[in-house]
PDB file of N, CA and C in Angstrom:
ATOM      1  N   UNK A   1       7.763   0.307   1.349  1.00  0.00           N
ATOM      2  CA  UNK A   1       7.075   0.737   2.544  1.00  0.00           C
ATOM      3  C   UNK A   1       6.644   2.206   2.453  1.00  0.00           C
ATOM      4  N   UNK A   2       7.414   2.995   1.704  1.00  0.00           N
ATOM      5  CA  UNK A   2       7.085   4.405   1.610  1.00  0.00           C
ATOM      6  C   UNK A   2       5.715   4.610   0.949  1.00  0.00           C
ATOM      7  N   UNK A   3       5.447   3.848  -0.112  1.00  0.00           N
ATOM      8  CA  UNK A   3       4.160   3.987  -0.802  1.00  0.00           C
ATOM      9  C   UNK A   3       3.020   3.600   0.139  1.00  0.00           C
ATOM     10  N   UNK A   4       3.240   2.546   0.913  1.00  0.00           N
ATOM     11  CA  UNK A   4       2.214   2.140   1.884  1.00  0.00           C
ATOM     12  C   UNK A   4       1.983   3.250   2.909  1.00  0.00           C
ATOM     13  N   UNK A   5       3.072   3.891   3.390  1.00  0.00           N
ATOM     14  CA  UNK A   5       2.900   5.012   4.323  1.00  0.00           C
ATOM     15  C   UNK A   5       2.152   6.153   3.650  1.00  0.00           C
ATOM     16  N   UNK A   6       2.493   6.443   2.405  1.00  0.00           N
ATOM     17  CA  UNK A   6       1.840   7.543   1.689  1.00  0.00           C
ATOM     18  C   UNK A   6       0.333   7.306   1.593  1.00  0.00           C
ATOM     19  N   UNK A   7      -0.054   6.066   1.323  1.00  0.00           N
ATOM     20  CA  UNK A   7      -1.479   5.739   1.210  1.00  0.00           C
ATOM     21  C   UNK A   7      -2.149   5.805   2.582  1.00  0.00           C
ATOM     22  N   UNK A   8      -1.590   5.104   3.560  1.00  0.00           N
ATOM     23  CA  UNK A   8      -2.204   5.059   4.890  1.00  0.00           C
ATOM     24  C   UNK A   8      -2.171   6.440   5.544  1.00  0.00           C
ATOM     25  N   UNK A   9      -1.021   7.090   5.489  1.00  0.00           N
ATOM     26  CA  UNK A   9      -0.899   8.421   6.080  1.00  0.00           C
ATOM     27  C   UNK A   9      -1.793   9.435   5.396  1.00  0.00           C
ATOM     28  N   UNK A  10      -1.890   9.357   4.074  1.00  0.00           N
ATOM     29  CA  UNK A  10      -2.749  10.277   3.334  1.00  0.00           C
ATOM     30  C   UNK A  10      -4.221  10.088   3.663  1.00  0.00           C
ATOM     31  N   UNK A  11      -4.661   8.831   3.710  1.00  0.00           N
ATOM     32  CA  UNK A  11      -6.060   8.561   4.060  1.00  0.00           C
ATOM     33  C   UNK A  11      -6.361   8.976   5.503  1.00  0.00           C
ATOM     34  N   UNK A  12      -5.421   8.703   6.408  1.00  0.00           N
ATOM     35  CA  UNK A  12      -5.605   9.111   7.803  1.00  0.00           C
ATOM     36  C   UNK A  12      -5.654  10.634   7.905  1.00  0.00           C
ATOM     37  N   UNK A  13      -4.828  11.314   7.133  1.00  0.00           N
ATOM     38  CA  UNK A  13      -4.847  12.787   7.133  1.00  0.00           C
ATOM     39  C   UNK A  13      -6.200  13.310   6.654  1.00  0.00           C
ATOM     40  N   UNK A  14      -6.784  12.663   5.655  1.00  0.00           N
ATOM     41  CA  UNK A  14      -8.116  13.073   5.185  1.00  0.00           C
ATOM     42  C   UNK A  14      -9.170  12.888   6.274  1.00  0.00           C
ATOM     43  N   UNK A  15      -9.120  11.756   6.958  1.00  0.00           N
ATOM     44  CA  UNK A  15     -10.072  11.490   8.044  1.00  0.00           C
ATOM     45  C   UNK A  15      -9.890  12.514   9.161  1.00  0.00           C
ATOM     46  N   UNK A  16      -8.635  12.796   9.522  1.00  0.00           N
ATOM     47  CA  UNK A  16      -8.367  13.774  10.575  1.00  0.00           C
ATOM     48  C   UNK A  16      -8.846  15.166  10.182  1.00  0.00           C
ATOM     49  N   UNK A  17      -8.651  15.533   8.928  1.00  0.00           N
ATOM     50  CA  UNK A  17      -9.102  16.844   8.453  1.00  0.00           C
ATOM     51  C   UNK A  17     -10.621  16.950   8.548  1.00  0.00           C
ATOM     52  N   UNK A  18     -11.319  15.908   8.103  1.00  0.00           N
ATOM     53  CA  UNK A  18     -12.783  15.914   8.191  1.00  0.00           C
ATOM     54  C   UNK A  18     -13.234  15.965   9.647  1.00  0.00           C
ATOM     55  N   UNK A  19     -12.601  15.168  10.496  1.00  0.00           N
ATOM     56  CA  UNK A  19     -12.974  15.146  11.912  1.00  0.00           C
ATOM     57  C   UNK A  19     -12.714  16.488  12.580  1.00  0.00           C
ATOM     58  N   UNK A  20     -11.590  17.106  12.265  1.00  0.00           N
ATOM     59  CA  UNK A  20     -11.278  18.429  12.834  1.00  0.00           C
ATOM     60  C   UNK A  20     -12.308  19.451  12.381  1.00  0.00           C
ATOM     61  N   UNK A  21     -12.678  19.392  11.105  1.00  0.00           N
ATOM     62  CA  UNK A  21     -13.674  20.321  10.573  1.00  0.00           C
ATOM     63  C   UNK A  21     -15.018  20.130  11.270  1.00  0.00           C
ATOM     64  N   UNK A  22     -15.462  18.877  11.381  1.00  0.00           N
ATOM     65  CA  UNK A  22     -16.733  18.604  12.048  1.00  0.00           C
ATOM     66  C   UNK A  22     -16.696  18.998  13.523  1.00  0.00           C
ATOM     67  N   UNK A  23     -15.555  18.806  14.157  1.00  0.00           N
ATOM     68  CA  UNK A  23     -15.427  19.182  15.562  1.00  0.00           C
ATOM     69  C   UNK A  23     -15.532  20.698  15.713  1.00  0.00           C
ATOM     70  N   UNK A  24     -14.861  21.432  14.859  1.00  0.00           N
ATOM     71  CA  UNK A  24     -14.936  22.901  14.916  1.00  0.00           C
ATOM     72  C   UNK A  24     -16.337  23.407  14.605  1.00  0.00           C
ATOM     73  N   UNK A  25     -17.050  22.701  13.731  1.00  0.00           N
ATOM     74  CA  UNK A  25     -18.418  23.087  13.385  1.00  0.00           C
ATOM     75  C   UNK A  25     -19.422  22.597  14.421  1.00  0.00           C
ATOM     76  N   UNK A  26     -18.924  21.881  15.427  1.00  0.00           N
ATOM     77  CA  UNK A  26     -19.767  21.307  16.483  1.00  0.00           C
ATOM     78  C   UNK A  26     -20.884  20.437  15.901  1.00  0.00           C
ATOM     79  N   UNK A  27     -20.482  19.532  15.034  1.00  0.00           N
ATOM     80  CA  UNK A  27     -21.386  18.560  14.447  1.00  0.00           C
ATOM     81  C   UNK A  27     -22.101  17.802  15.567  1.00  0.00           C
ATOM     82  N   UNK A  28     -23.391  17.576  15.406  1.00  0.00           N
ATOM     83  CA  UNK A  28     -24.195  16.954  16.467  1.00  0.00           C
ATOM     84  C   UNK A  28     -23.654  15.594  16.900  1.00  0.00           C
ATOM     85  N   UNK A  29     -23.233  14.767  15.937  1.00  0.00           N
ATOM     86  CA  UNK A  29     -22.724  13.436  16.291  1.00  0.00           C
ATOM     87  C   UNK A  29     -21.407  13.523  17.055  1.00  0.00           C
ATOM     88  N   UNK A  30     -20.542  14.424  16.634  1.00  0.00           N
ATOM     89  CA  UNK A  30     -19.252  14.585  17.309  1.00  0.00           C
ATOM     90  C   UNK A  30     -19.470  15.090  18.726  1.00  0.00           C
ATOM     91  N   UNK A  31     -20.305  16.115  18.871  1.00  0.00           N
ATOM     92  CA  UNK A  31     -20.566  16.688  20.191  1.00  0.00           C
ATOM     93  C   UNK A  31     -21.208  15.647  21.105  1.00  0.00           C
ATOM     94  N   UNK A  32     -22.151  14.865  20.574  1.00  0.00           N
ATOM     95  CA  UNK A  32     -22.803  13.828  21.378  1.00  0.00           C
ATOM     96  C   UNK A  32     -21.794  12.781  21.844  1.00  0.00           C
ATOM     97  N   UNK A  33     -20.896  12.391  20.947  1.00  0.00           N
ATOM     98  CA  UNK A  33     -19.869  11.414  21.311  1.00  0.00           C
ATOM     99  C   UNK A  33     -18.934  11.966  22.380  1.00  0.00           C
ATOM    100  N   UNK A  34     -18.538  13.216  22.224  1.00  0.00           N
ATOM    101  CA  UNK A  34     -17.647  13.845  23.208  1.00  0.00           C
ATOM    102  C   UNK A  34     -18.338  13.963  24.571  1.00  0.00           C
ATOM    103  N   UNK A  35     -19.606  14.285  24.558  1.00  0.00           N
ATOM    104  CA  UNK A  35     -20.346  14.398  25.833  1.00  0.00           C
ATOM    105  C   UNK A  35     -20.493  13.051  26.510  1.00  0.00           C
ATOM    106  N   UNK A  36     -20.685  11.984  25.702  1.00  0.00           N
ATOM    107  CA  UNK A  36     -20.793  10.637  26.287  1.00  0.00           C
ATOM    108  C   UNK A  36     -19.538  10.267  27.063  1.00  0.00           C
ATOM    109  N   UNK A  37     -18.402  10.734  26.600  1.00  0.00           N
ATOM    110  CA  UNK A  37     -17.141  10.401  27.284  1.00  0.00           C
ATOM    111  C   UNK A  37     -16.686  11.540  28.203  1.00  0.00           C
ATOM    112  N   UNK A  38     -17.609  12.460  28.463  1.00  0.00           N
ATOM    113  CA  UNK A  38     -17.406  13.535  29.439  1.00  0.00           C
ATOM    114  C   UNK A  38     -16.281  14.506  29.067  1.00  0.00           C
ATOM    115  N   UNK A  39     -16.173  14.810  27.794  1.00  0.00           N
ATOM    116  CA  UNK A  39     -15.216  15.815  27.340  1.00  0.00           C
ATOM    117  C   UNK A  39     -15.925  17.176  27.405  1.00  0.00           C
ATOM    118  N   UNK A  40     -15.356  18.136  28.126  1.00  0.00           N
ATOM    119  CA  UNK A  40     -15.994  19.458  28.196  1.00  0.00           C
ATOM    120  C   UNK A  40     -16.031  20.134  26.824  1.00  0.00           C
ATOM    121  N   UNK A  41     -17.100  20.880  26.568  1.00  0.00           N
ATOM    122  CA  UNK A  41     -17.240  21.590  25.296  1.00  0.00           C
ATOM    123  C   UNK A  41     -16.068  22.533  25.038  1.00  0.00           C
ATOM    124  N   UNK A  42     -15.490  23.067  26.097  1.00  0.00           N
ATOM    125  CA  UNK A  42     -14.372  24.016  25.928  1.00  0.00           C
ATOM    126  C   UNK A  42     -13.133  23.346  25.340  1.00  0.00           C
ATOM    127  N   UNK A  43     -13.062  22.028  25.382  1.00  0.00           N
ATOM    128  CA  UNK A  43     -11.915  21.297  24.826  1.00  0.00           C
ATOM    129  C   UNK A  43     -12.027  21.089  23.318  1.00  0.00           C
ATOM    130  N   UNK A  44     -13.218  21.247  22.751  1.00  0.00           N
ATOM    131  CA  UNK A  44     -13.423  20.911  21.343  1.00  0.00           C
ATOM    132  C   UNK A  44     -12.478  21.657  20.399  1.00  0.00           C
ATOM    133  N   UNK A  45     -12.290  22.970  20.547  1.00  0.00           N
ATOM    134  CA  UNK A  45     -11.342  23.632  19.628  1.00  0.00           C
ATOM    135  C   UNK A  45      -9.914  23.105  19.761  1.00  0.00           C
ATOM    136  N   UNK A  46      -9.497  22.791  20.978  1.00  0.00           N
ATOM    137  CA  UNK A  46      -8.136  22.260  21.173  1.00  0.00           C
ATOM    138  C   UNK A  46      -7.996  20.885  20.538  1.00  0.00           C
ATOM    139  N   UNK A  47      -8.999  20.052  20.716  1.00  0.00           N
ATOM    140  CA  UNK A  47      -8.942  18.710  20.137  1.00  0.00           C
ATOM    141  C   UNK A  47      -8.968  18.779  18.606  1.00  0.00           C
ATOM    142  N   UNK A  48      -9.767  19.701  18.066  1.00  0.00           N
ATOM    143  CA  UNK A  48      -9.796  19.885  16.612  1.00  0.00           C
ATOM    144  C   UNK A  48      -8.432  20.350  16.107  1.00  0.00           C
ATOM    145  N   UNK A  49      -7.791  21.222  16.864  1.00  0.00           N
ATOM    146  CA  UNK A  49      -6.462  21.709  16.479  1.00  0.00           C
ATOM    147  C   UNK A  49      -5.447  20.566  16.482  1.00  0.00           C
ATOM    148  N   UNK A  50      -5.536  19.693  17.465  1.00  0.00           N
ATOM    149  CA  UNK A  50      -4.628  18.537  17.517  1.00  0.00           C
ATOM    150  C   UNK A  50      -4.832  17.633  16.303  1.00  0.00           C
ATOM    151  N   UNK A  51      -6.083  17.406  15.933  1.00  0.00           N
ATOM    152  CA  UNK A  51      -6.364  16.575  14.755  1.00  0.00           C
ATOM    153  C   UNK A  51      -5.815  17.225  13.485  1.00  0.00           C
ATOM    154  N   UNK A  52      -6.034  18.527  13.358  1.00  0.00           N
ATOM    155  CA  UNK A  52      -5.535  19.240  12.171  1.00  0.00           C
ATOM    156  C   UNK A  52      -4.012  19.214  12.123  1.00  0.00           C
ATOM    157  N   UNK A  53      -3.381  19.409  13.264  1.00  0.00           N
ATOM    158  CA  UNK A  53      -1.909  19.351  13.314  1.00  0.00           C
ATOM    159  C   UNK A  53      -1.410  17.960  12.942  1.00  0.00           C
ATOM    160  N   UNK A  54      -2.116  16.935  13.398  1.00  0.00           N
ATOM    161  CA  UNK A  54      -1.750  15.567  13.035  1.00  0.00           C
ATOM    162  C   UNK A  54      -1.845  15.339  11.541  1.00  0.00           C
ATOM    163  N   UNK A  55      -2.916  15.855  10.930  1.00  0.00           N
ATOM    164  CA  UNK A  55      -3.091  15.708   9.487  1.00  0.00           C
ATOM    165  C   UNK A  55      -1.968  16.409   8.726  1.00  0.00           C
ATOM    166  N   UNK A  56      -1.650  17.618   9.142  1.00  0.00           N
ATOM    167  CA  UNK A  56      -0.571  18.372   8.482  1.00  0.00           C
ATOM    168  C   UNK A  56       0.763  17.649   8.652  1.00  0.00           C
ATOM    169  N   UNK A  57       1.011  17.154   9.858  1.00  0.00           N
ATOM    170  CA  UNK A  57       2.263  16.448  10.131  1.00  0.00           C
ATOM    171  C   UNK A  57       2.398  15.163   9.333  1.00  0.00           C
ATOM    172  N   UNK A  58       1.300  14.438   9.182  1.00  0.00           N
ATOM    173  CA  UNK A  58       1.352  13.195   8.400  1.00  0.00           C
ATOM    174  C   UNK A  58       1.687  13.484   6.937  1.00  0.00           C
ATOM    175  N   UNK A  59       1.092  14.527   6.393  1.00  0.00           N
ATOM    176  CA  UNK A  59       1.371  14.877   4.991  1.00  0.00           C
ATOM    177  C   UNK A  59       2.795  15.415   4.857  1.00  0.00           C
ATOM    178  N   UNK A  60       3.194  16.305   5.760  1.00  0.00           N
ATOM    179  CA  UNK A  60       4.567  16.835   5.710  1.00  0.00           C
ATOM    180  C   UNK A  60       5.581  15.715   5.937  1.00  0.00           C
ATOM    181  N   UNK A  61       5.158  14.685   6.648  1.00  0.00           N
ATOM    182  CA  UNK A  61       6.024  13.543   6.905  1.00  0.00           C
ATOM    183  C   UNK A  61       6.394  12.762   5.659  1.00  0.00           C
ATOM    184  N   UNK A  62       5.701  13.025   4.569  1.00  0.00           N
ATOM    185  CA  UNK A  62       6.102  12.411   3.307  1.00  0.00           C
ATOM    186  C   UNK A  62       7.476  12.906   2.882  1.00  0.00           C
ATOM    187  N   UNK A  63       7.821  14.144   3.263  1.00  0.00           N
ATOM    188  CA  UNK A  63       9.108  14.729   2.880  1.00  0.00           C
ATOM    189  C   UNK A  63      10.089  14.791   4.040  1.00  0.00           C
ATOM    190  N   UNK A  64       9.592  14.905   5.249  1.00  0.00           N
ATOM    191  CA  UNK A  64      10.448  15.031   6.435  1.00  0.00           C
ATOM    192  C   UNK A  64      10.126  13.861   7.363  1.00  0.00           C
ATOM    193  N   UNK A  65      10.946  12.823   7.290  1.00  0.00           N
ATOM    194  CA  UNK A  65      10.681  11.584   8.025  1.00  0.00           C
ATOM    195  C   UNK A  65      10.443  11.803   9.519  1.00  0.00           C
ATOM    196  N   UNK A  66      11.301  12.552  10.234  1.00  0.00           N
ATOM    197  CA  UNK A  66      11.056  12.721  11.671  1.00  0.00           C
ATOM    198  C   UNK A  66       9.709  13.380  11.980  1.00  0.00           C
ATOM    199  N   UNK A  67       9.270  14.273  11.114  1.00  0.00           N
ATOM    200  CA  UNK A  67       7.975  14.915  11.314  1.00  0.00           C
ATOM    201  C   UNK A  67       6.839  13.908  11.129  1.00  0.00           C
ATOM    202  N   UNK A  68       6.960  13.050  10.152  1.00  0.00           N
ATOM    203  CA  UNK A  68       5.959  12.002   9.940  1.00  0.00           C
ATOM    204  C   UNK A  68       5.887  11.049  11.106  1.00  0.00           C
ATOM    205  N   UNK A  69       7.055  10.696  11.648  1.00  0.00           N
ATOM    206  CA  UNK A  69       7.092   9.806  12.815  1.00  0.00           C
ATOM    207  C   UNK A  69       6.460  10.496  14.019  1.00  0.00           C
ATOM    208  N   UNK A  70       6.800  11.761  14.234  1.00  0.00           N
ATOM    209  CA  UNK A  70       6.235  12.507  15.370  1.00  0.00           C
ATOM    210  C   UNK A  70       4.718  12.648  15.225  1.00  0.00           C
ATOM    211  N   UNK A  71       4.261  12.966  14.026  1.00  0.00           N
ATOM    212  CA  UNK A  71       2.822  13.135  13.804  1.00  0.00           C
ATOM    213  C   UNK A  71       2.080  11.818  14.007  1.00  0.00           C
ATOM    214  N   UNK A  72       2.603  10.742  13.454  1.00  0.00           N
ATOM    215  CA  UNK A  72       1.952   9.444  13.612  1.00  0.00           C
ATOM    216  C   UNK A  72       1.950   9.008  15.072  1.00  0.00           C
ATOM    217  N   UNK A  73       3.009   9.315  15.796  1.00  0.00           N
ATOM    218  CA  UNK A  73       3.049   9.008  17.226  1.00  0.00           C
ATOM    219  C   UNK A  73       1.977   9.803  17.968  1.00  0.00           C
ATOM    220  N   UNK A  74       1.895  11.094  17.675  1.00  0.00           N
ATOM    221  CA  UNK A  74       0.900  11.941  18.324  1.00  0.00           C
ATOM    222  C   UNK A  74      -0.516  11.501  18.030  1.00  0.00           C
ATOM    223  N   UNK A  75      -0.803  11.157  16.777  1.00  0.00           N
ATOM    224  CA  UNK A  75      -2.146  10.721  16.403  1.00  0.00           C
ATOM    225  C   UNK A  75      -2.476   9.381  17.068  1.00  0.00           C
ATOM    226  N   UNK A  76      -1.499   8.490  17.135  1.00  0.00           N
ATOM    227  CA  UNK A  76      -1.717   7.206  17.809  1.00  0.00           C
ATOM    228  C   UNK A  76      -2.057   7.441  19.280  1.00  0.00           C
ATOM    229  N   UNK A  77      -1.305   8.304  19.938  1.00  0.00           N
ATOM    230  CA  UNK A  77      -1.568   8.601  21.350  1.00  0.00           C
ATOM    231  C   UNK A  77      -2.913   9.301  21.534  1.00  0.00           C
ATOM    232  N   UNK A  78      -3.266  10.190  20.621  1.00  0.00           N
ATOM    233  CA  UNK A  78      -4.555  10.888  20.677  1.00  0.00           C
ATOM    234  C   UNK A  78      -5.696   9.868  20.680  1.00  0.00           C
ATOM    235  N   UNK A  79      -5.669   8.952  19.716  1.00  0.00           N
ATOM    236  CA  UNK A  79      -6.763   7.997  19.615  1.00  0.00           C
ATOM    237  C   UNK A  79      -6.695   6.909  20.677  1.00  0.00           C
ATOM    238  N   UNK A  80      -5.515   6.599  21.169  1.00  0.00           N
ATOM    239  CA  UNK A  80      -5.413   5.700  22.310  1.00  0.00           C
ATOM    240  C   UNK A  80      -6.098   6.344  23.522  1.00  0.00           C
ATOM    241  N   UNK A  81      -5.891   7.645  23.687  1.00  0.00           N
ATOM    242  CA  UNK A  81      -6.585   8.380  24.748  1.00  0.00           C
ATOM    243  C   UNK A  81      -8.089   8.350  24.556  1.00  0.00           C
ATOM    244  N   UNK A  82      -8.532   8.427  23.300  1.00  0.00           N
ATOM    245  CA  UNK A  82      -9.971   8.354  23.017  1.00  0.00           C
ATOM    246  C   UNK A  82     -10.532   6.990  23.403  1.00  0.00           C
ATOM    247  N   UNK A  83      -9.792   5.930  23.105  1.00  0.00           N
ATOM    248  CA  UNK A  83     -10.231   4.584  23.484  1.00  0.00           C
ATOM    249  C   UNK A  83     -10.340   4.481  25.008  1.00  0.00           C
ATOM    250  N   UNK A  84      -9.343   4.979  25.699  1.00  0.00           N
ATOM    251  CA  UNK A  84      -9.361   4.953  27.169  1.00  0.00           C
ATOM    252  C   UNK A  84     -10.554   5.748  27.705  1.00  0.00           C
ATOM    253  N   UNK A  85     -10.832   6.894  27.093  1.00  0.00           N
ATOM    254  CA  UNK A  85     -11.970   7.712  27.531  1.00  0.00           C
ATOM    255  C   UNK A  85     -13.286   6.951  27.364  1.00  0.00           C
ATOM    256  N   UNK A  86     -13.440   6.244  26.245  1.00  0.00           N
ATOM    257  CA  UNK A  86     -14.648   5.453  26.035  1.00  0.00           C
ATOM    258  C   UNK A  86     -14.746   4.310  27.043  1.00  0.00           C
ATOM    259  N   UNK A  87     -13.636   3.636  27.284  1.00  0.00           N
ATOM    260  CA  UNK A  87     -13.641   2.523  28.240  1.00  0.00           C
ATOM    261  C   UNK A  87     -13.922   3.010  29.661  1.00  0.00           C
ATOM    262  N   UNK A  88     -13.397   4.188  29.988  1.00  0.00           N
ATOM    263  CA  UNK A  88     -13.553   4.734  31.346  1.00  0.00           C
ATOM    264  C   UNK A  88     -15.022   4.923  31.703  1.00  0.00           C
ATOM    265  N   UNK A  89     -15.830   5.355  30.740  1.00  0.00           N
ATOM    266  CA  UNK A  89     -17.248   5.588  31.013  1.00  0.00           C
ATOM    267  C   UNK A  89     -18.119   4.421  30.531  1.00  0.00           C
ATOM    268  N   UNK A  90     -17.456   3.327  30.161  1.00  0.00           N
ATOM    269  CA  UNK A  90     -18.142   2.121  29.692  1.00  0.00           C
ATOM    270  C   UNK A  90     -19.035   2.393  28.476  1.00  0.00           C
ATOM    271  N   UNK A  91     -18.554   3.245  27.585  1.00  0.00           N
ATOM    272  CA  UNK A  91     -19.245   3.535  26.333  1.00  0.00           C
ATOM    273  C   UNK A  91     -18.835   2.483  25.324  1.00  0.00           C
ATOM    274  N   UNK A  92     -19.807   1.798  24.766  1.00  0.00           N
ATOM    275  CA  UNK A  92     -19.507   0.691  23.860  1.00  0.00           C
ATOM    276  C   UNK A  92     -19.338   1.122  22.410  1.00  0.00           C
ATOM    277  N   UNK A  93     -19.418   2.406  22.137  1.00  0.00           N
ATOM    278  CA  UNK A  93     -19.228   2.905  20.780  1.00  0.00           C
ATOM    279  C   UNK A  93     -17.782   3.362  20.580  1.00  0.00           C
ATOM    280  N   UNK A  94     -16.851   2.486  20.903  1.00  0.00           N
ATOM    281  CA  UNK A  94     -15.438   2.852  20.805  1.00  0.00           C
ATOM    282  C   UNK A  94     -14.776   2.331  19.537  1.00  0.00           C
ATOM    283  N   UNK A  95     -15.538   1.664  18.678  1.00  0.00           N
ATOM    284  CA  UNK A  95     -14.945   1.093  17.465  1.00  0.00           C
ATOM    285  C   UNK A  95     -14.240   2.133  16.586  1.00  0.00           C
ATOM    286  N   UNK A  96     -14.847   3.303  16.318  1.00  0.00           N
ATOM    287  CA  UNK A  96     -14.133   4.268  15.468  1.00  0.00           C
ATOM    288  C   UNK A  96     -12.791   4.689  16.070  1.00  0.00           C
ATOM    289  N   UNK A  97     -12.759   4.945  17.361  1.00  0.00           N
ATOM    290  CA  UNK A  97     -11.505   5.347  18.007  1.00  0.00           C
ATOM    291  C   UNK A  97     -10.495   4.204  17.974  1.00  0.00           C
ATOM    292  N   UNK A  98     -10.966   2.984  18.181  1.00  0.00           N
ATOM    293  CA  UNK A  98     -10.066   1.828  18.176  1.00  0.00           C
ATOM    294  C   UNK A  98      -9.485   1.604  16.780  1.00  0.00           C
ATOM    295  N   UNK A  99     -10.325   1.705  15.759  1.00  0.00           N
ATOM    296  CA  UNK A  99      -9.847   1.520  14.381  1.00  0.00           C
ATOM    297  C   UNK A  99      -8.839   2.607  14.018  1.00  0.00           C
ATOM    298  N   UNK A 100      -9.140   3.849  14.388  1.00  0.00           N
ATOM    299  CA  UNK A 100      -8.212   4.939  14.074  1.00  0.00           C
ATOM    300  C   UNK A 100      -6.908   4.803  14.850  1.00  0.00           C
ATOM    301  N   UNK A 101      -6.953   4.238  16.050  1.00  0.00           N
ATOM    302  CA  UNK A 101      -5.723   3.970  16.792  1.00  0.00           C
ATOM    303  C   UNK A 101      -4.857   2.983  16.022  1.00  0.00           C
ATOM    304  N   UNK A 102      -5.479   1.935  15.511  1.00  0.00           N
ATOM    305  CA  UNK A 102      -4.736   0.923  14.759  1.00  0.00           C
ATOM    306  C   UNK A 102      -4.197   1.479  13.437  1.00  0.00           C
ATOM    307  N   UNK A 103      -4.981   2.294  12.768  1.00  0.00           N
ATOM    308  CA  UNK A 103      -4.521   2.892  11.510  1.00  0.00           C
ATOM    309  C   UNK A 103      -3.349   3.841  11.774  1.00  0.00           C
ATOM    310  N   UNK A 104      -3.455   4.631  12.845  1.00  0.00           N
ATOM    311  CA  UNK A 104      -2.362   5.544  13.190  1.00  0.00           C
ATOM    312  C   UNK A 104      -1.104   4.765  13.561  1.00  0.00           C
ATOM    313  N   UNK A 105      -1.271   3.661  14.295  1.00  0.00           N
ATOM    314  CA  UNK A 105      -0.116   2.827  14.654  1.00  0.00           C
ATOM    315  C   UNK A 105       0.502   2.211  13.394  1.00  0.00           C
ATOM    316  N   UNK A 106      -0.338   1.830  12.448  1.00  0.00           N
ATOM    317  CA  UNK A 106       0.172   1.291  11.175  1.00  0.00           C
ATOM    318  C   UNK A 106       0.958   2.374  10.421  1.00  0.00           C
ATOM    319  N   UNK A 107       0.431   3.595  10.405  1.00  0.00           N
ATOM    320  CA  UNK A 107       1.147   4.697   9.745  1.00  0.00           C
ATOM    321  C   UNK A 107       2.500   4.922  10.420  1.00  0.00           C
ATOM    322  N   UNK A 108       2.521   4.859  11.727  1.00  0.00           N
ATOM    323  CA  UNK A 108       3.766   5.027  12.469  1.00  0.00           C
ATOM    324  C   UNK A 108       4.773   3.942  12.092  1.00  0.00           C
ATOM    325  N   UNK A 109       4.322   2.700  12.115  1.00  0.00           N
ATOM    326  CA  UNK A 109       5.223   1.589  11.773  1.00  0.00           C
ATOM    327  C   UNK A 109       5.734   1.709  10.339  1.00  0.00           C
ATOM    328  N   UNK A 110       4.837   2.046   9.430  1.00  0.00           N
ATOM    329  CA  UNK A 110       5.238   2.179   8.023  1.00  0.00           C
ATOM    330  C   UNK A 110       6.231   3.326   7.815  1.00  0.00           C
ATOM    331  N   UNK A 111       6.026   4.435   8.539  1.00  0.00           N
ATOM    332  CA  UNK A 111       6.964   5.573   8.378  1.00  0.00           C
ATOM    333  C   UNK A 111       8.325   5.231   8.958  1.00  0.00           C
ATOM    334  N   UNK A 112       8.338   4.508  10.057  1.00  0.00           N
ATOM    335  CA  UNK A 112       9.620   4.106  10.655  1.00  0.00           C
ATOM    336  C   UNK A 112      10.355   3.158   9.715  1.00  0.00           C
ATOM    337  N   UNK A 113       9.616   2.253   9.085  1.00  0.00           N
ATOM    338  CA  UNK A 113      10.229   1.241   8.239  1.00  0.00           C
ATOM    339  C   UNK A 113      10.618   1.735   6.845  1.00  0.00           C
ATOM    340  N   UNK A 114      10.103   2.890   6.452  1.00  0.00           N
ATOM    341  CA  UNK A 114      10.406   3.354   5.081  1.00  0.00           C
ATOM    342  C   UNK A 114      11.577   4.319   5.055  1.00  0.00           C
TER     343      UNK A 114
END
């Protein structure tokens, strides 16, 4: 199970790092998506920081199990919140958030089981 967590957690950390970078750079697609779900522009740096912290925690979780569990829990809750935000405004482009919620939940389960 540990190898599976390393793969899933590592790939999720890469996605989170890219997303945090694009969010900080105010990438047009990211900003448009955030505006569709009514996220204020002032929240973007905080949300990027949460993604970056999640990525760091997932990688550090390879060596410190409780940190990996905490990071995977936080990332799962982050993306669950994103799904709720999309549903709240009836935005049908929630697939990326939903997939990342499932991947984060898988990382959480794998870290707990390893």
